[in-house]
C-alpha atoms as a PDB file:
ATOM      1  CA  MET A   1     -28.797  -5.291  11.421  1.00  0.00           C
ATOM      2  CA  SER A   2     -28.385  -8.352  10.155  1.00  0.00           C
ATOM      3  CA  GLU A   3     -25.313 -11.042  10.826  1.00  0.00           C
ATOM      4  CA  ALA A   4     -24.713 -11.157   7.339  1.00  0.00           C
ATOM      5  CA  LEU A   5     -24.870  -7.486   6.619  1.00  0.00           C
ATOM      6  CA  GLU A   6     -22.761  -6.681   9.434  1.00  0.00           C
ATOM      7  CA  ARG A   7     -20.035  -9.009   8.385  1.00  0.00           C
ATOM      8  CA  VAL A   8     -20.132  -7.355   4.970  1.00  0.00           C
ATOM      9  CA  ILE A   9     -19.326  -4.039   6.504  1.00  0.00           C
ATOM     10  CA  ALA A  10     -16.621  -5.900   8.457  1.00  0.00           C
ATOM     11  CA  LYS A  11     -15.055  -7.128   5.549  1.00  0.00           C
ATOM     12  CA  SER A  12     -14.832  -3.818   3.878  1.00  0.00           C
ATOM     13  CA  GLU A  13     -13.254  -2.295   7.049  1.00  0.00           C
ATOM     14  CA  ILE A  14     -10.605  -4.955   7.239  1.00  0.00           C
ATOM     15  CA  TYR A  15     -10.008  -4.695   3.557  1.00  0.00           C
ATOM     16  CA  ASP A  16      -9.589  -0.630   3.574  1.00  0.00           C
ATOM     17  CA  LEU A  17      -6.778  -1.789   6.622  1.00  0.00           C
ATOM     18  CA  SER A  18      -4.782  -3.632   3.608  1.00  0.00           C
ATOM     19  CA  CYS A  19      -5.418  -1.131   0.817  1.00  0.00           C
ATOM     20  CA  LYS A  20      -4.228   2.034   4.172  1.00  0.00           C
ATOM     21  CA  TYR A  21      -1.329   0.119   4.797  1.00  0.00           C
ATOM     22  CA  MET A  22      -0.128   0.005   1.139  1.00  0.00           C
ATOM     23  CA  ARG A  23      -0.229   3.545   0.922  1.00  0.00           C
ATOM     24  CA  GLY A  24       1.715   3.565   3.843  1.00  0.00           C
ATOM     25  CA  LEU A  25       4.192   1.738   3.082  1.00  0.00           C
ATOM     26  CA  ASP A  26       4.594   3.452  -0.694  1.00  0.00           C
ATOM     27  CA  ARG A  27       4.102   7.434   0.351  1.00  0.00           C
ATOM     28  CA  LEU A  28       6.295   6.499   3.186  1.00  0.00           C
ATOM     29  CA  ASP A  29       3.597   7.532   5.340  1.00  0.00           C
ATOM     30  CA  ILE A  30       4.211   6.397   9.031  1.00  0.00           C
ATOM     31  CA  GLU A  31       1.265   7.684  10.678  1.00  0.00           C
ATOM     32  CA  LEU A  32      -1.470   6.384   8.273  1.00  0.00           C
ATOM     33  CA  LEU A  33       1.035   2.600   8.438  1.00  0.00           C
ATOM     34  CA  LYS A  34       0.612   3.144  12.102  1.00  0.00           C
ATOM     35  CA  SER A  35      -2.769   3.803  12.341  1.00  0.00           C
ATOM     36  CA  VAL A  36      -3.967   0.526  10.779  1.00  0.00           C
ATOM     37  CA  PHE A  37      -2.803  -1.317  14.025  1.00  0.00           C
ATOM     38  CA  HIS A  38      -4.237  -1.911  17.819  1.00  0.00           C
ATOM     39  CA  ASP A  39      -2.187  -1.040  20.210  1.00  0.00           C
ATOM     40  CA  GLY A  40      -0.437  -4.008  21.477  1.00  0.00           C
ATOM     41  CA  ALA A  41      -0.483  -5.534  17.615  1.00  0.00           C
ATOM     42  CA  TRP A  42       3.095  -7.518  16.652  1.00  0.00           C
ATOM     43  CA  CYS A  43       4.436  -7.989  13.285  1.00  0.00           C
ATOM     44  CA  ASP A  44       6.345 -11.027  12.113  1.00  0.00           C
ATOM     45  CA  TYR A  45       8.354 -11.015   8.861  1.00  0.00           C
ATOM     46  CA  GLY A  46      11.095 -13.471   9.961  1.00  0.00           C
ATOM     47  CA  PHE A  47      13.755 -10.926   9.218  1.00  0.00           C
ATOM     48  CA  THR A  48      12.193  -8.657  11.857  1.00  0.00           C
ATOM     49  CA  LYS A  49       9.655  -9.076  14.750  1.00  0.00           C
ATOM     50  CA  SER A  50       8.576  -6.110  16.641  1.00  0.00           C
ATOM     51  CA  ASP A  51       5.578  -4.444  17.944  1.00  0.00           C
ATOM     52  CA  ALA A  52       3.913  -2.387  14.651  1.00  0.00           C
ATOM     53  CA  PRO A  53       5.304   1.144  15.695  1.00  0.00           C
ATOM     54  CA  THR A  54       8.452  -0.491  15.735  1.00  0.00           C
ATOM     55  CA  PHE A  55       7.918  -2.466  12.717  1.00  0.00           C
ATOM     56  CA  ALA A  56       6.548   0.716  11.338  1.00  0.00           C
ATOM     57  CA  GLN A  57       9.637   2.534  11.676  1.00  0.00           C
ATOM     58  CA  PHE A  58      11.738  -0.617  10.197  1.00  0.00           C
ATOM     59  CA  CYS A  59       9.655   0.060   6.994  1.00  0.00           C
ATOM     60  CA  MET A  60       9.928   3.759   6.885  1.00  0.00           C
ATOM     61  CA  ASP A  61      14.045   3.288   7.343  1.00  0.00           C
ATOM     62  CA  ALA A  62      14.406   0.481   4.994  1.00  0.00           C
ATOM     63  CA  LEU A  63      11.938   2.203   1.835  1.00  0.00           C
ATOM     64  CA  LYS A  64      13.165   5.847   1.934  1.00  0.00           C
ATOM     65  CA  GLU A  65      16.199   4.536  -0.306  1.00  0.00           C
ATOM     66  CA  HIS A  66      14.425   3.407  -2.960  1.00  0.00           C
ATOM     67  CA  HIS A  67      13.412   5.585  -6.110  1.00  0.00           C
ATOM     68  CA  ALA A  68       9.562   3.631  -5.713  1.00  0.00           C
ATOM     69  CA  ASN A  69       7.688   1.500  -4.473  1.00  0.00           C
ATOM     70  CA  HIS A  70       4.285  -0.018  -5.429  1.00  0.00           C
ATOM     71  CA  HIS A  71       2.278  -2.953  -3.644  1.00  0.00           C
ATOM     72  CA  MET A  72      -0.402  -3.984  -4.340  1.00  0.00           C
ATOM     73  CA  ILE A  73      -3.302  -6.470  -2.826  1.00  0.00           C
ATOM     74  CA  GLY A  74      -5.055  -9.344  -5.022  1.00  0.00           C
ATOM     75  CA  ASN A  75      -7.266 -12.121  -3.769  1.00  0.00           C
ATOM     76  CA  VAL A  76      -8.084 -11.155   0.128  1.00  0.00           C
ATOM     77  CA  LEU A  77      -9.663 -13.861   2.198  1.00  0.00           C
ATOM     78  CA  ILE A  78     -11.324 -12.972   5.402  1.00  0.00           C
ATOM     79  CA  GLU A  79     -12.764 -15.423   7.798  1.00  0.00           C
ATOM     80  CA  PHE A  80     -14.343 -14.517  11.319  1.00  0.00           C
ATOM     81  CA  GLY A  81     -13.483 -16.714  14.545  1.00  0.00           C
ATOM     82  CA  ASP A  82     -16.213 -17.936  16.833  1.00  0.00           C
ATOM     83  CA  ASN A  83     -16.034 -14.447  18.608  1.00  0.00           C
ATOM     84  CA  GLU A  84     -17.991 -11.162  16.263  1.00  0.00           C
ATOM     85  CA  ASN A  85     -14.997  -9.155  17.520  1.00  0.00           C
ATOM     86  CA  GLU A  86     -11.887 -11.452  15.901  1.00  0.00           C
ATOM     87  CA  ALA A  87     -11.235 -12.101  12.056  1.00  0.00           C
ATOM     88  CA  PHE A  88      -8.527 -13.920  10.190  1.00  0.00           C
ATOM     89  CA  GLY A  89      -6.732 -13.210   6.884  1.00  0.00           C
ATOM     90  CA  GLU A  90      -5.025 -14.291   4.460  1.00  0.00           C
ATOM     91  CA  VAL A  91      -4.388 -11.475   1.801  1.00  0.00           C
ATOM     92  CA  TYR A  92      -2.202 -12.008  -1.350  1.00  0.00           C
ATOM     93  CA  PHE A  93       0.518  -9.295  -2.388  1.00  0.00           C
ATOM     94  CA  GLN A  94       2.794  -7.684  -5.022  1.00  0.00           C
ATOM     95  CA  ALA A  95       5.588  -5.513  -3.449  1.00  0.00           C
ATOM     96  CA  TYR A  96       7.724  -3.686  -6.364  1.00  0.00           C
ATOM     97  CA  HIS A  97      10.970  -2.038  -5.093  1.00  0.00           C
ATOM     98  CA  LYS A  98      13.232   0.300  -7.809  1.00  0.00           C
ATOM     99  CA  VAL A  99      16.615   0.136  -5.674  1.00  0.00           C
ATOM    100  CA  ASP A 100      20.013   0.789  -6.604  1.00  0.00           C
ATOM    101  CA  GLU A 101      22.585  -2.661  -5.815  1.00  0.00           C
ATOM    102  CA  ASP A 102      26.391  -2.309  -6.657  1.00  0.00           C
ATOM    103  CA  GLY A 103      26.319   0.712  -8.789  1.00  0.00           C
ATOM    104  CA  GLN A 104      22.609   0.223 -10.469  1.00  0.00           C
ATOM    105  CA  THR A 105      18.878   0.201 -10.607  1.00  0.00           C
ATOM    106  CA  ASN A 106      17.393  -3.031 -10.204  1.00  0.00           C
ATOM    107  CA  ASP A 107      13.556  -4.122 -10.399  1.00  0.00           C
ATOM    108  CA  VAL A 108      12.809  -6.371  -6.945  1.00  0.00           C
ATOM    109  CA  PHE A 109       9.711  -7.921  -7.414  1.00  0.00           C
ATOM    110  CA  ILE A 110       7.930 -10.122  -4.009  1.00  0.00           C
ATOM    111  CA  SER A 111       5.212 -11.888  -3.994  1.00  0.00           C
ATOM    112  CA  GLY A 112       3.235 -13.608  -1.252  1.00  0.00           C
ATOM    113  CA  ARG A 113       1.151 -13.237   1.449  1.00  0.00           C
ATOM    114  CA  TYR A 114       0.128 -11.738   4.543  1.00  0.00           C
ATOM    115  CA  LEU A 115      -1.337 -13.860   7.347  1.00  0.00           C
ATOM    116  CA  ASP A 116      -3.588 -11.313   9.688  1.00  0.00           C
ATOM    117  CA  ARG A 117      -5.406 -11.532  12.528  1.00  0.00           C
ATOM    118  CA  TYR A 118      -7.647  -8.422  13.154  1.00  0.00           C
ATOM    119  CA  GLU A 119      -9.961  -7.473  15.957  1.00  0.00           C
ATOM    120  CA  LYS A 120     -13.119  -5.252  16.735  1.00  0.00           C
ATOM    121  CA  ARG A 121     -12.260  -2.859  19.768  1.00  0.00           C
ATOM    122  CA  ASP A 122     -14.492  -0.169  20.906  1.00  0.00           C
ATOM    123  CA  GLY A 123     -16.126  -0.765  17.293  1.00  0.00           C
ATOM    124  CA  ILE A 124     -13.338   0.068  15.096  1.00  0.00           C
ATOM    125  CA  TRP A 125     -11.077  -3.273  13.072  1.00  0.00           C
ATOM    126  CA  LYS A 126      -7.453  -2.827  13.161  1.00  0.00           C
ATOM    127  CA  MET A 127      -4.678  -5.554  12.474  1.00  0.00           C
ATOM    128  CA  VAL A 128      -3.412  -7.181  16.117  1.00  0.00           C
ATOM    129  CA  TYR A 129      -1.236  -9.279  13.891  1.00  0.00           C
ATOM    130  CA  ARG A 130       0.668  -9.525  10.505  1.00  0.00           C
ATOM    131  CA  SER A 131       2.776 -12.274   9.305  1.00  0.00           C
ATOM    132  CA  GLU A 132       4.667 -12.061   5.560  1.00  0.00           C
ATOM    133  CA  ILE A 133       4.924 -15.366   3.835  1.00  0.00           C
ATOM    134  CA  VAL A 134       6.885 -14.789   0.051  1.00  0.00           C
ATOM    135  CA  ASP A 135       6.002 -16.843  -2.564  1.00  0.00           C
ATOM    136  CA  TRP A 136       8.151 -15.824  -4.836  1.00  0.00           C
ATOM    137  CA  SER A 137      10.717 -13.569  -5.892  1.00  0.00           C
ATOM    138  CA  ARG A 138      12.574 -11.507  -9.001  1.00  0.00           C
ATOM    139  CA  THR A 139      15.185  -8.954  -9.294  1.00  0.00           C
ATOM    140  CA  GLU A 140      16.361  -7.442 -12.479  1.00  0.00           C
ATOM    141  CA  PRO A 141      17.927  -4.373 -13.979  1.00  0.00           C
ATOM    142  CA  THR A 142      15.460  -1.385 -14.482  1.00  0.00           C
ATOM    143  CA  HIS A 143      14.446  -0.688 -18.037  1.00  0.00           C
ATOM    144  CA  GLU A 144      12.048   2.281 -18.101  1.00  0.00           C
ATOM    145  CA  PRO A 145      11.298   3.464 -22.127  1.00  0.00           C
ATOM    146  CA  TYR A 146       8.295   4.467 -21.097  1.00  0.00           C
ATOM    147  CA  PHE A 147       9.314   7.597 -19.573  1.00  0.00           C
ATOM    148  CA  ASP A 148      11.665   8.008 -22.476  1.00  0.00           C
ATOM    149  CA  SER A 149       7.905   8.367 -24.518  1.00  0.00           C
ATOM    150  CA  ALA A 150       5.982   9.979 -21.915  1.00  0.00           C
ATOM    151  CA  PRO A 151       8.141  12.413 -20.462  1.00  0.00           C
ATOM    152  CA  ASP A 152       4.938  14.704 -19.496  1.00  0.00           C
ATOM    153  CA  CYS A 153       3.401  11.655 -17.328  1.00  0.00           C
ATOM    154  CA  PHE A 154       2.481  12.068 -14.029  1.00  0.00           C
ATOM    155  CA  ARG A 155       4.637  10.198 -11.935  1.00  0.00           C
ATOM    156  CA  GLY A 156       4.089   8.959  -8.430  1.00  0.00           C
ATOM    157  CA  GLY A 157       5.722  10.721  -5.220  1.00  0.00           C
ATOM    158  CA  ARG A 158       5.941   9.658  -1.908  1.00  0.00           C
ATOM    159  CA  GLN A 159       4.091  12.494   0.542  1.00  0.00           C
ATOM    160  CA  ASP A 160       4.557  14.807  -2.389  1.00  0.00           C
ATOM    161  CA  ASP A 161       2.087  12.396  -4.397  1.00  0.00           C
ATOM    162  CA  ARG A 162      -1.101  13.867  -5.775  1.00  0.00           C
ATOM    163  CA  VAL A 163      -2.975  11.837  -3.827  1.00  0.00           C
ATOM    164  CA  TYR A 164      -1.883  14.061  -0.850  1.00  0.00           C
ATOM    165  CA  ASP A 165      -3.521  17.392  -2.439  1.00  0.00           C
ATOM    166  CA  THR A 166      -6.853  17.146  -2.154  1.00  0.00           C
ATOM    167  CA  LYS A 167      -7.874  20.279  -3.795  1.00  0.00           C
ATOM    168  CA  ASP A 168      -5.760  18.826  -7.134  1.00  0.00           C
ATOM    169  CA  ARG A 169      -6.859  14.967  -6.450  1.00  0.00           C
ATOM    170  CA  TYR A 170     -10.056  15.371  -9.239  1.00  0.00           C
ATOM    171  CA  ASN A 171      -9.093  18.525 -11.215  1.00  0.00           C
ATOM    172  CA  PRO A 172      -9.879  18.019 -14.858  1.00  0.00           C
ATOM    173  CA  THR A 173      -7.290  21.061 -15.676  1.00  0.00           C
END
């Protein structure tokens, strides 16, 4: 296989790590979140610095009281090091958190970039380092008229979300 094709495949596998990371956060799926990290991985968010399993538990504890979370990925730049088993990433993100604060429900938006280092071990790409840089944030009172006008819409959940029920995931009935 050509080096160019190997890098395209590697970039796809690395991108999937961020997708799984986001799903793990939003669905409160600690096992999925931990699965994107190699053993010995480190997370440094400034306000929390720890090994990946400890970080994953920190996330679950922090997010479980939220009404909803929605993490999105934007620009993703993956660059390879001199070693074909090492890559570096800058992943733009936007995170939404619906939280209760001081007796009111607020929408909290946080946007920034993840700075990552990935390694390929035994043929599998995973994160070995993730850091979060926050570029901006905004908090405002929740206002959701859509749900009043569409009360029968499918609403997202945690692990009761339709994504976990494979038999109903793409069932048109």
